[in-house]
Amino acid sequence: MEMEFTEIHEEKIKSVAYDEINHHFHVKFQDGSYVIYYEMRKEDYVGFQSSGRYSEYLEEKIIPAYPNKVIKEASGK
C-alpha cells in the first residue's frame, strides 16, 4: 500500500506522510529535498499536524528527537 502525502503548502515544507506501521515520518520540502525521520511516535505526528506552525514544530520537536536519512538532496546541490 502506497502512503498518501498530505500537502502542506508552507514556506519550507511541501508535503508529509506518516507510516504508522514502521513509524516513519516522510517530509518533502519546497527546495526538492526529501527526508525520512525514523522511530517517530504517532503523538508527534498528530502534534505536527495540529500545530499549524509546521516548520517550527519540525525544527523544535522532530529534528532533535528522531534519527533521519536524507533520501534526496535539495535541488541545485
C-alpha atoms as a PDB file:
ATOM      1  CA  MET A   1       0.000   0.000   0.000  1.00  0.00           C
ATOM      2  CA  GLU A   2       1.372   3.381  -1.005  1.00  0.00           C
ATOM      3  CA  MET A   3       1.484   6.183   1.530  1.00  0.00           C
ATOM      4  CA  GLU A   4      -0.622   9.219   0.906  1.00  0.00           C
ATOM      5  CA  PHE A   5       1.185  12.534   1.238  1.00  0.00           C
ATOM      6  CA  THR A   6      -0.658  15.493   2.717  1.00  0.00           C
ATOM      7  CA  GLU A   7       0.080  18.810   1.014  1.00  0.00           C
ATOM      8  CA  ILE A   8       1.231  21.438   3.492  1.00  0.00           C
ATOM      9  CA  HIS A   9       1.797  24.477   1.223  1.00  0.00           C
ATOM     10  CA  GLU A  10       4.093  26.119   3.693  1.00  0.00           C
ATOM     11  CA  GLU A  11       7.241  28.173   3.127  1.00  0.00           C
ATOM     12  CA  LYS A  12       9.659  25.278   3.750  1.00  0.00           C
ATOM     13  CA  ILE A  13       7.540  22.109   3.730  1.00  0.00           C
ATOM     14  CA  LYS A  14       5.688  20.871   0.649  1.00  0.00           C
ATOM     15  CA  SER A  15       4.078  17.636   1.890  1.00  0.00           C
ATOM     16  CA  VAL A  16       4.271  14.976   4.603  1.00  0.00           C
ATOM     17  CA  ALA A  17       3.242  11.376   5.195  1.00  0.00           C
ATOM     18  CA  TYR A  18       3.321   9.128   8.250  1.00  0.00           C
ATOM     19  CA  ASP A  19       3.874   5.383   8.039  1.00  0.00           C
ATOM     20  CA  GLU A  20       2.034   4.039  11.099  1.00  0.00           C
ATOM     21  CA  ILE A  21       3.409   0.509  10.692  1.00  0.00           C
ATOM     22  CA  ASN A  22       7.100   1.453  10.598  1.00  0.00           C
ATOM     23  CA  HIS A  23       6.796   4.766  12.478  1.00  0.00           C
ATOM     24  CA  HIS A  24       8.465   6.724   9.683  1.00  0.00           C
ATOM     25  CA  PHE A  25       7.680  10.386   9.045  1.00  0.00           C
ATOM     26  CA  HIS A  26       8.292  11.406   5.429  1.00  0.00           C
ATOM     27  CA  VAL A  27       8.852  15.084   4.639  1.00  0.00           C
ATOM     28  CA  LYS A  28       9.153  16.608   1.166  1.00  0.00           C
ATOM     29  CA  PHE A  29      10.497  20.136   1.245  1.00  0.00           C
ATOM     30  CA  GLN A  30       9.843  23.027  -1.130  1.00  0.00           C
ATOM     31  CA  ASP A  31      13.540  23.016  -2.156  1.00  0.00           C
ATOM     32  CA  GLY A  32      13.155  19.484  -3.553  1.00  0.00           C
ATOM     33  CA  SER A  33      14.764  17.610  -0.657  1.00  0.00           C
ATOM     34  CA  TYR A  34      13.131  14.548   0.915  1.00  0.00           C
ATOM     35  CA  VAL A  35      13.891  13.340   4.451  1.00  0.00           C
ATOM     36  CA  ILE A  36      12.586  10.381   6.457  1.00  0.00           C
ATOM     37  CA  TYR A  37      12.522  10.579  10.261  1.00  0.00           C
ATOM     38  CA  TYR A  38      12.625   7.168  11.943  1.00  0.00           C
ATOM     39  CA  GLU A  39      11.060   5.748  15.126  1.00  0.00           C
ATOM     40  CA  MET A  40       8.645   8.675  15.364  1.00  0.00           C
ATOM     41  CA  ARG A  41       5.744   8.395  17.767  1.00  0.00           C
ATOM     42  CA  LYS A  42       2.284   8.941  16.318  1.00  0.00           C
ATOM     43  CA  GLU A  43       1.655  11.554  19.024  1.00  0.00           C
ATOM     44  CA  ASP A  44       4.348  13.729  17.462  1.00  0.00           C
ATOM     45  CA  TYR A  45       2.797  13.354  14.012  1.00  0.00           C
ATOM     46  CA  VAL A  46      -0.587  14.399  15.415  1.00  0.00           C
ATOM     47  CA  GLY A  47       1.117  17.302  17.201  1.00  0.00           C
ATOM     48  CA  PHE A  48       2.801  18.343  13.955  1.00  0.00           C
ATOM     49  CA  GLN A  49      -0.469  18.231  12.018  1.00  0.00           C
ATOM     50  CA  SER A  50      -2.373  20.217  14.629  1.00  0.00           C
ATOM     51  CA  SER A  51       0.366  22.786  15.297  1.00  0.00           C
ATOM     52  CA  GLY A  52      -0.235  24.982  12.259  1.00  0.00           C
ATOM     53  CA  ARG A  53       3.400  26.044  12.646  1.00  0.00           C
ATOM     54  CA  TYR A  54       4.871  23.147  10.717  1.00  0.00           C
ATOM     55  CA  SER A  55       8.470  24.266  10.159  1.00  0.00           C
ATOM     56  CA  GLU A  56       8.804  25.436  13.740  1.00  0.00           C
ATOM     57  CA  TYR A  57       7.399  22.166  15.106  1.00  0.00           C
ATOM     58  CA  LEU A  58       9.708  20.163  12.839  1.00  0.00           C
ATOM     59  CA  GLU A  59      12.788  22.133  13.898  1.00  0.00           C
ATOM     60  CA  GLU A  60      11.998  22.171  17.621  1.00  0.00           C
ATOM     61  CA  LYS A  61      10.348  18.802  18.280  1.00  0.00           C
ATOM     62  CA  ILE A  62      11.127  16.350  15.487  1.00  0.00           C
ATOM     63  CA  ILE A  63      14.633  17.033  14.154  1.00  0.00           C
ATOM     64  CA  PRO A  64      16.313  16.922  17.598  1.00  0.00           C
ATOM     65  CA  ALA A  65      14.383  13.833  18.719  1.00  0.00           C
ATOM     66  CA  TYR A  66      14.464  11.368  15.824  1.00  0.00           C
ATOM     67  CA  PRO A  67      17.136   9.801  13.617  1.00  0.00           C
ATOM     68  CA  ASN A  68      16.751  10.674   9.956  1.00  0.00           C
ATOM     69  CA  LYS A  69      18.021   9.963   6.490  1.00  0.00           C
ATOM     70  CA  VAL A  70      18.166  12.338   3.554  1.00  0.00           C
ATOM     71  CA  ILE A  71      16.615  10.486   0.605  1.00  0.00           C
ATOM     72  CA  LYS A  72      17.028  13.347  -1.851  1.00  0.00           C
ATOM     73  CA  GLU A  73      19.191  16.444  -1.559  1.00  0.00           C
ATOM     74  CA  ALA A  74      17.820  19.900  -2.233  1.00  0.00           C
ATOM     75  CA  SER A  75      17.675  20.979  -5.875  1.00  0.00           C
ATOM     76  CA  GLY A  76      20.847  22.663  -7.011  1.00  0.00           C
ATOM     77  CA  LYS A  77      23.142  20.854  -4.565  1.00  0.00           C
END
